[in-house]
């Protein structure tokens, strides 16, 4: 192998390693990494509010984990609508509890954040299942 090929091969391997490490660190973000907060970006949160919201989030995540584990354990996937309704009910109750801890100005920002998050969640769900316009049957697709 000549010298130029070796240099380019080393650069290629280095690039592959850097990309692998950076993708792994990006995957650590989100609810499972523990650094996600439904109230990130809300101005003026007091330490008391942060502590109470964090406690609510931990309890909510635990509840969701229990529900998910129970559903997987039973293997009963025919009642998806019932399960999803229960999840939606718990999520709504959690948001209402968090919302009750905020002042009026913070609630406006919280509602905007939740609205954006719900739109993104719908888009991801529709992309997998093939909702209209999201790449599924009957839709236009993304490309």
N, C-alpha and C. Protein backbone atom coordinates (compact mmCIF):
# COMPACT_ATOMS: atom_id res chain seq x y z
N UNK A 1 0.85 -1.18 0.00
CA UNK A 1 0.00 0.00 0.00
C UNK A 1 0.89 1.24 0.00
N UNK A 2 0.49 2.20 -0.79
CA UNK A 2 1.31 3.39 -0.81
C UNK A 2 0.95 4.32 0.36
N UNK A 3 1.73 5.31 0.55
CA UNK A 3 1.62 6.21 1.70
C UNK A 3 0.29 6.97 1.72
N UNK A 4 -0.18 7.44 0.56
CA UNK A 4 -1.43 8.21 0.51
C UNK A 4 -2.62 7.35 0.93
N UNK A 5 -2.65 6.10 0.49
CA UNK A 5 -3.75 5.21 0.87
C UNK A 5 -3.77 4.97 2.37
N UNK A 6 -2.59 4.80 2.96
CA UNK A 6 -2.52 4.60 4.41
C UNK A 6 -3.07 5.81 5.17
N UNK A 7 -2.68 6.97 4.73
CA UNK A 7 -3.15 8.20 5.40
C UNK A 7 -4.67 8.29 5.30
N UNK A 8 -5.22 8.05 4.12
CA UNK A 8 -6.67 8.14 3.95
C UNK A 8 -7.39 7.05 4.75
N UNK A 9 -6.79 5.86 4.82
CA UNK A 9 -7.40 4.79 5.63
C UNK A 9 -7.41 5.16 7.10
N UNK A 10 -6.33 5.75 7.59
CA UNK A 10 -6.27 6.18 9.00
C UNK A 10 -7.33 7.26 9.26
N UNK A 11 -7.44 8.19 8.34
CA UNK A 11 -8.44 9.25 8.49
C UNK A 11 -9.85 8.66 8.49
N UNK A 12 -10.08 7.68 7.63
CA UNK A 12 -11.39 7.02 7.56
C UNK A 12 -11.73 6.32 8.87
N UNK A 13 -10.75 5.59 9.41
CA UNK A 13 -10.98 4.90 10.70
C UNK A 13 -11.23 5.91 11.81
N UNK A 14 -10.47 6.98 11.83
CA UNK A 14 -10.65 8.01 12.84
C UNK A 14 -12.04 8.63 12.74
N UNK A 15 -12.48 8.91 11.53
CA UNK A 15 -13.82 9.46 11.32
C UNK A 15 -14.89 8.48 11.79
N UNK A 16 -14.71 7.21 11.48
CA UNK A 16 -15.68 6.19 11.91
C UNK A 16 -15.78 6.12 13.43
N UNK A 17 -14.64 6.20 14.10
CA UNK A 17 -14.63 6.15 15.57
C UNK A 17 -15.32 7.38 16.15
N UNK A 18 -15.00 8.55 15.62
CA UNK A 18 -15.61 9.80 16.10
C UNK A 18 -17.13 9.75 15.91
N UNK A 19 -17.58 9.30 14.75
CA UNK A 19 -19.01 9.23 14.49
C UNK A 19 -19.70 8.22 15.41
N UNK A 20 -19.06 7.09 15.64
CA UNK A 20 -19.64 6.08 16.52
C UNK A 20 -19.79 6.62 17.93
N UNK A 21 -18.77 7.27 18.45
CA UNK A 21 -18.83 7.82 19.81
C UNK A 21 -19.86 8.93 19.90
N UNK A 22 -19.90 9.81 18.91
CA UNK A 22 -20.85 10.92 18.97
C UNK A 22 -22.30 10.43 18.86
N UNK A 23 -22.54 9.42 18.03
CA UNK A 23 -23.91 8.89 17.91
C UNK A 23 -24.33 8.22 19.21
N UNK A 24 -23.41 7.54 19.87
CA UNK A 24 -23.72 6.90 21.15
C UNK A 24 -24.08 7.92 22.21
N UNK A 25 -23.38 9.04 22.23
CA UNK A 25 -23.67 10.05 23.24
C UNK A 25 -25.00 10.75 22.93
N UNK A 26 -25.33 10.90 21.64
CA UNK A 26 -26.61 11.51 21.28
C UNK A 26 -27.76 10.59 21.68
N UNK A 27 -27.56 9.30 21.62
CA UNK A 27 -28.61 8.35 21.98
C UNK A 27 -28.90 8.37 23.47
N UNK A 28 -27.99 8.90 24.27
CA UNK A 28 -28.18 8.93 25.71
C UNK A 28 -29.14 10.03 26.14
N UNK A 29 -29.42 10.96 25.26
CA UNK A 29 -30.36 12.02 25.62
C UNK A 29 -31.78 11.49 25.62
N UNK A 30 -32.66 12.18 26.29
CA UNK A 30 -34.06 11.77 26.29
C UNK A 30 -34.51 11.28 27.64
N UNK A 31 -35.72 10.78 27.72
CA UNK A 31 -36.32 10.42 29.00
C UNK A 31 -35.58 9.31 29.71
N UNK A 32 -35.02 8.37 29.01
CA UNK A 32 -34.35 7.24 29.65
C UNK A 32 -33.02 7.63 30.27
N UNK A 33 -32.40 8.70 29.78
CA UNK A 33 -31.11 9.10 30.32
C UNK A 33 -31.27 9.83 31.65
N UNK A 34 -32.48 10.23 31.98
CA UNK A 34 -32.72 10.88 33.26
C UNK A 34 -32.46 12.38 33.25
N UNK A 35 -32.03 12.92 32.12
CA UNK A 35 -31.75 14.35 32.08
C UNK A 35 -32.85 15.13 31.37
N UNK A 36 -33.91 14.46 31.05
CA UNK A 36 -35.03 15.11 30.38
C UNK A 36 -35.98 15.67 31.43
N UNK A 37 -36.51 16.80 31.15
CA UNK A 37 -37.51 17.38 32.04
C UNK A 37 -38.60 17.98 31.18
N UNK A 38 -39.84 17.73 31.57
CA UNK A 38 -40.95 18.30 30.81
C UNK A 38 -40.98 19.81 30.97
N UNK A 39 -40.15 20.34 31.85
CA UNK A 39 -40.16 21.78 32.11
C UNK A 39 -38.86 22.47 31.71
N UNK A 40 -38.03 21.79 30.92
CA UNK A 40 -36.84 22.46 30.41
C UNK A 40 -37.27 23.64 29.56
N UNK A 41 -36.68 24.77 29.79
CA UNK A 41 -37.00 25.94 28.99
C UNK A 41 -38.06 26.84 29.61
N UNK A 42 -38.59 26.46 30.77
CA UNK A 42 -39.57 27.32 31.43
C UNK A 42 -38.81 28.31 32.31
N UNK A 43 -39.04 29.58 32.09
CA UNK A 43 -38.29 30.60 32.84
C UNK A 43 -38.77 30.75 34.28
N UNK A 44 -37.84 31.06 35.16
CA UNK A 44 -38.17 31.46 36.52
C UNK A 44 -38.63 30.35 37.45
N UNK A 45 -38.26 29.11 37.19
CA UNK A 45 -38.64 28.04 38.12
C UNK A 45 -37.84 28.18 39.41
N UNK A 46 -38.52 28.08 40.53
CA UNK A 46 -37.83 28.12 41.81
C UNK A 46 -37.25 26.74 42.10
N UNK A 47 -36.37 26.67 43.08
CA UNK A 47 -35.79 25.37 43.46
C UNK A 47 -36.89 24.44 43.97
N UNK A 48 -37.85 25.00 44.68
CA UNK A 48 -38.96 24.19 45.20
C UNK A 48 -39.76 23.58 44.04
N UNK A 49 -40.05 24.40 43.03
CA UNK A 49 -40.78 23.91 41.86
C UNK A 49 -40.00 22.81 41.16
N UNK A 50 -38.69 23.04 40.96
CA UNK A 50 -37.85 22.05 40.29
C UNK A 50 -37.86 20.72 41.06
N UNK A 51 -37.74 20.80 42.37
CA UNK A 51 -37.73 19.59 43.21
C UNK A 51 -39.05 18.85 43.11
N UNK A 52 -40.15 19.59 43.21
CA UNK A 52 -41.48 18.96 43.15
C UNK A 52 -41.76 18.36 41.77
N UNK A 53 -41.36 19.07 40.73
CA UNK A 53 -41.58 18.58 39.37
C UNK A 53 -40.74 17.33 39.11
N UNK A 54 -39.49 17.36 39.59
CA UNK A 54 -38.63 16.18 39.43
C UNK A 54 -39.22 14.97 40.13
N UNK A 55 -39.77 15.17 41.32
CA UNK A 55 -40.41 14.06 42.05
C UNK A 55 -41.62 13.54 41.29
N UNK A 56 -42.43 14.45 40.75
CA UNK A 56 -43.58 14.03 39.95
C UNK A 56 -43.15 13.24 38.72
N UNK A 57 -42.09 13.70 38.05
CA UNK A 57 -41.61 13.02 36.85
C UNK A 57 -41.11 11.62 37.17
N UNK A 58 -40.37 11.49 38.28
CA UNK A 58 -39.86 10.16 38.67
C UNK A 58 -41.02 9.20 38.95
N UNK A 59 -42.01 9.69 39.67
CA UNK A 59 -43.17 8.85 39.98
C UNK A 59 -43.92 8.47 38.70
N UNK A 60 -44.07 9.43 37.81
CA UNK A 60 -44.77 9.18 36.55
C UNK A 60 -44.02 8.15 35.70
N UNK A 61 -42.70 8.31 35.59
CA UNK A 61 -41.91 7.35 34.82
C UNK A 61 -42.01 5.95 35.41
N UNK A 62 -41.97 5.86 36.72
CA UNK A 62 -42.09 4.55 37.37
C UNK A 62 -43.43 3.92 37.05
N UNK A 63 -44.48 4.72 37.13
CA UNK A 63 -45.82 4.22 36.82
C UNK A 63 -45.91 3.72 35.38
N UNK A 64 -45.34 4.50 34.46
CA UNK A 64 -45.35 4.10 33.05
C UNK A 64 -44.54 2.83 32.83
N UNK A 65 -43.39 2.72 33.51
CA UNK A 65 -42.58 1.52 33.39
C UNK A 65 -43.33 0.28 33.87
N UNK A 66 -44.08 0.44 34.97
CA UNK A 66 -44.86 -0.68 35.50
C UNK A 66 -45.94 -1.08 34.49
N UNK A 67 -46.63 -0.10 33.94
CA UNK A 67 -47.67 -0.39 32.95
C UNK A 67 -47.09 -1.11 31.72
N UNK A 68 -45.95 -0.59 31.24
CA UNK A 68 -45.30 -1.18 30.07
C UNK A 68 -44.88 -2.63 30.35
N UNK A 69 -44.27 -2.84 31.52
CA UNK A 69 -43.81 -4.18 31.88
C UNK A 69 -44.99 -5.15 32.01
N UNK A 70 -46.07 -4.66 32.60
CA UNK A 70 -47.26 -5.51 32.77
C UNK A 70 -47.83 -5.91 31.41
N UNK A 71 -47.87 -4.96 30.52
CA UNK A 71 -48.40 -5.26 29.19
C UNK A 71 -47.51 -6.26 28.46
N UNK A 72 -46.22 -6.09 28.57
CA UNK A 72 -45.29 -7.02 27.92
C UNK A 72 -45.39 -8.41 28.54
N UNK A 73 -45.55 -8.44 29.86
CA UNK A 73 -45.60 -9.72 30.56
C UNK A 73 -46.83 -10.53 30.16
N UNK A 74 -47.96 -9.85 30.02
CA UNK A 74 -49.19 -10.55 29.66
C UNK A 74 -49.18 -10.95 28.19
N UNK A 75 -48.47 -10.18 27.37
CA UNK A 75 -48.43 -10.49 25.95
C UNK A 75 -49.74 -10.20 25.24
N UNK A 76 -50.64 -9.49 25.89
CA UNK A 76 -51.94 -9.18 25.31
C UNK A 76 -51.85 -7.85 24.56
N UNK A 77 -51.62 -7.94 23.27
CA UNK A 77 -51.51 -6.74 22.46
C UNK A 77 -52.77 -6.46 21.66
N UNK A 78 -53.83 -7.21 21.92
CA UNK A 78 -55.07 -7.00 21.18
C UNK A 78 -55.86 -5.82 21.75
N UNK A 79 -55.54 -5.41 22.95
CA UNK A 79 -56.28 -4.32 23.57
C UNK A 79 -55.46 -3.03 23.53
N UNK A 80 -54.88 -2.74 22.39
CA UNK A 80 -54.03 -1.56 22.25
C UNK A 80 -54.77 -0.27 22.59
N UNK A 81 -56.00 -0.15 22.14
CA UNK A 81 -56.76 1.08 22.38
C UNK A 81 -57.01 1.29 23.87
N UNK A 82 -57.32 0.21 24.57
CA UNK A 82 -57.55 0.30 26.02
C UNK A 82 -56.28 0.73 26.73
N UNK A 83 -55.18 0.09 26.35
CA UNK A 83 -53.88 0.43 26.95
C UNK A 83 -53.52 1.89 26.65
N UNK A 84 -53.67 2.31 25.41
CA UNK A 84 -53.32 3.67 25.03
C UNK A 84 -54.20 4.69 25.75
N UNK A 85 -55.46 4.37 25.95
CA UNK A 85 -56.35 5.26 26.69
C UNK A 85 -55.87 5.41 28.14
N UNK A 86 -55.43 4.31 28.74
CA UNK A 86 -54.93 4.36 30.12
C UNK A 86 -53.65 5.19 30.19
N UNK A 87 -52.77 5.03 29.20
CA UNK A 87 -51.53 5.81 29.16
C UNK A 87 -51.86 7.29 28.99
N UNK A 88 -52.74 7.60 28.06
CA UNK A 88 -53.13 9.00 27.84
C UNK A 88 -53.72 9.63 29.09
N UNK A 89 -54.51 8.86 29.81
CA UNK A 89 -55.12 9.34 31.06
C UNK A 89 -54.04 9.67 32.09
N UNK A 90 -53.05 8.78 32.22
CA UNK A 90 -51.95 9.00 33.18
C UNK A 90 -51.11 10.20 32.77
N UNK A 91 -50.85 10.33 31.49
CA UNK A 91 -50.04 11.46 30.99
C UNK A 91 -50.78 12.78 31.26
N UNK A 92 -52.06 12.80 30.99
CA UNK A 92 -52.85 14.01 31.22
C UNK A 92 -52.86 14.37 32.70
N UNK A 93 -53.03 13.38 33.56
CA UNK A 93 -53.03 13.63 35.01
C UNK A 93 -51.66 14.17 35.45
N UNK A 94 -50.59 13.59 34.91
CA UNK A 94 -49.24 14.07 35.26
C UNK A 94 -49.05 15.52 34.83
N UNK A 95 -49.45 15.84 33.60
CA UNK A 95 -49.31 17.22 33.12
C UNK A 95 -50.12 18.19 33.97
N UNK A 96 -51.31 17.78 34.37
CA UNK A 96 -52.14 18.65 35.21
C UNK A 96 -51.47 18.90 36.56
N UNK A 97 -50.85 17.86 37.13
CA UNK A 97 -50.15 18.04 38.41
C UNK A 97 -48.98 19.00 38.26
N UNK A 98 -48.20 18.82 37.19
CA UNK A 98 -47.06 19.71 36.95
C UNK A 98 -47.56 21.13 36.72
N UNK A 99 -48.58 21.26 35.92
CA UNK A 99 -49.14 22.56 35.58
C UNK A 99 -49.62 23.31 36.83
N UNK A 100 -50.15 22.55 37.80
CA UNK A 100 -50.65 23.18 39.03
C UNK A 100 -49.53 23.79 39.88
N UNK A 101 -48.30 23.38 39.63
CA UNK A 101 -47.17 23.92 40.39
C UNK A 101 -46.61 25.20 39.78
N UNK A 102 -47.08 25.56 38.59
CA UNK A 102 -46.54 26.71 37.86
C UNK A 102 -47.40 27.95 38.03
N UNK A 103 -46.76 29.12 37.89
CA UNK A 103 -47.54 30.35 37.89
C UNK A 103 -48.09 30.57 36.48
N UNK A 104 -48.91 31.58 36.31
CA UNK A 104 -49.61 31.80 35.04
C UNK A 104 -48.65 31.96 33.86
N UNK A 105 -47.61 32.74 34.05
CA UNK A 105 -46.62 32.97 33.00
C UNK A 105 -45.91 31.67 32.60
N UNK A 106 -45.56 30.87 33.60
CA UNK A 106 -44.89 29.60 33.34
C UNK A 106 -45.84 28.60 32.66
N UNK A 107 -47.13 28.66 33.00
CA UNK A 107 -48.11 27.76 32.38
C UNK A 107 -48.21 27.98 30.88
N UNK A 108 -48.13 29.25 30.47
CA UNK A 108 -48.21 29.56 29.04
C UNK A 108 -47.06 28.88 28.30
N UNK A 109 -45.84 29.00 28.84
CA UNK A 109 -44.67 28.38 28.22
C UNK A 109 -44.81 26.86 28.26
N UNK A 110 -45.24 26.32 29.40
CA UNK A 110 -45.42 24.87 29.55
C UNK A 110 -46.40 24.34 28.51
N UNK A 111 -47.52 25.04 28.34
CA UNK A 111 -48.52 24.60 27.36
C UNK A 111 -47.96 24.61 25.95
N UNK A 112 -47.16 25.63 25.63
CA UNK A 112 -46.54 25.69 24.31
C UNK A 112 -45.57 24.53 24.11
N UNK A 113 -44.77 24.24 25.13
CA UNK A 113 -43.82 23.13 25.04
C UNK A 113 -44.55 21.80 24.88
N UNK A 114 -45.61 21.60 25.63
CA UNK A 114 -46.36 20.35 25.55
C UNK A 114 -47.05 20.21 24.19
N UNK A 115 -47.52 21.31 23.65
CA UNK A 115 -48.16 21.28 22.34
C UNK A 115 -47.17 20.87 21.27
N UNK A 116 -45.96 21.44 21.30
CA UNK A 116 -44.93 21.08 20.33
C UNK A 116 -44.52 19.62 20.48
N UNK A 117 -44.40 19.18 21.73
CA UNK A 117 -44.00 17.81 21.99
C UNK A 117 -45.05 16.83 21.48
N UNK A 118 -46.31 17.14 21.69
CA UNK A 118 -47.39 16.25 21.24
C UNK A 118 -47.41 16.16 19.72
N UNK A 119 -47.14 17.28 19.04
CA UNK A 119 -47.10 17.26 17.57
C UNK A 119 -45.97 16.38 17.08
N UNK A 120 -44.81 16.47 17.73
CA UNK A 120 -43.68 15.63 17.36
C UNK A 120 -43.96 14.18 17.63
N UNK A 121 -44.62 13.88 18.73
CA UNK A 121 -44.94 12.51 19.08
C UNK A 121 -45.91 11.93 18.06
N UNK A 122 -46.88 12.72 17.64
CA UNK A 122 -47.84 12.25 16.64
C UNK A 122 -47.13 11.94 15.33
N UNK A 123 -46.23 12.84 14.95
CA UNK A 123 -45.52 12.65 13.69
C UNK A 123 -44.69 11.38 13.72
N UNK A 124 -44.02 11.10 14.85
CA UNK A 124 -43.21 9.88 14.95
C UNK A 124 -44.11 8.66 14.88
N UNK A 125 -45.21 8.70 15.60
CA UNK A 125 -46.12 7.56 15.64
C UNK A 125 -46.71 7.32 14.25
N UNK A 126 -47.12 8.39 13.59
CA UNK A 126 -47.71 8.25 12.26
C UNK A 126 -46.68 7.76 11.25
N UNK A 127 -45.43 8.19 11.42
CA UNK A 127 -44.39 7.75 10.50
C UNK A 127 -44.17 6.26 10.57
N UNK A 128 -44.31 5.68 11.76
CA UNK A 128 -44.14 4.25 11.92
C UNK A 128 -45.34 3.51 11.37
N UNK A 129 -46.51 4.02 11.69
CA UNK A 129 -47.72 3.30 11.34
C UNK A 129 -48.27 3.64 9.98
N UNK A 130 -47.80 4.72 9.41
CA UNK A 130 -48.23 5.05 8.06
C UNK A 130 -49.47 5.91 8.01
N UNK A 131 -49.50 6.97 8.78
CA UNK A 131 -50.61 7.90 8.70
C UNK A 131 -50.56 8.66 7.40
N UNK A 132 -51.66 9.26 6.99
CA UNK A 132 -51.69 10.01 5.74
C UNK A 132 -50.60 11.08 5.70
N UNK A 133 -49.86 11.10 4.63
CA UNK A 133 -48.83 12.12 4.46
C UNK A 133 -47.56 11.81 5.21
N UNK A 134 -47.51 10.66 5.86
CA UNK A 134 -46.33 10.37 6.65
C UNK A 134 -45.60 9.12 6.14
N UNK A 135 -45.78 8.78 4.91
CA UNK A 135 -45.02 7.68 4.34
C UNK A 135 -45.72 6.34 4.42
N UNK A 136 -46.95 6.32 4.87
CA UNK A 136 -47.67 5.04 4.96
C UNK A 136 -48.56 4.83 3.77
N UNK A 137 -49.36 3.82 3.82
CA UNK A 137 -50.29 3.55 2.72
C UNK A 137 -51.25 4.72 2.56
N UNK A 138 -51.44 5.12 1.36
CA UNK A 138 -52.39 6.19 1.10
C UNK A 138 -51.81 7.57 1.30
N UNK A 139 -50.63 7.67 1.88
CA UNK A 139 -50.03 8.98 2.12
C UNK A 139 -49.09 9.35 0.99
N UNK A 140 -48.63 10.57 1.02
CA UNK A 140 -47.73 11.03 -0.03
C UNK A 140 -46.30 10.56 0.21
N UNK A 141 -45.96 10.24 1.43
CA UNK A 141 -44.59 9.85 1.72
C UNK A 141 -43.74 11.06 2.04
N UNK A 142 -42.57 10.82 2.51
CA UNK A 142 -41.68 11.92 2.91
C UNK A 142 -40.85 12.44 1.76
N UNK A 143 -40.58 11.60 0.80
CA UNK A 143 -39.69 12.00 -0.26
C UNK A 143 -40.46 12.31 -1.48
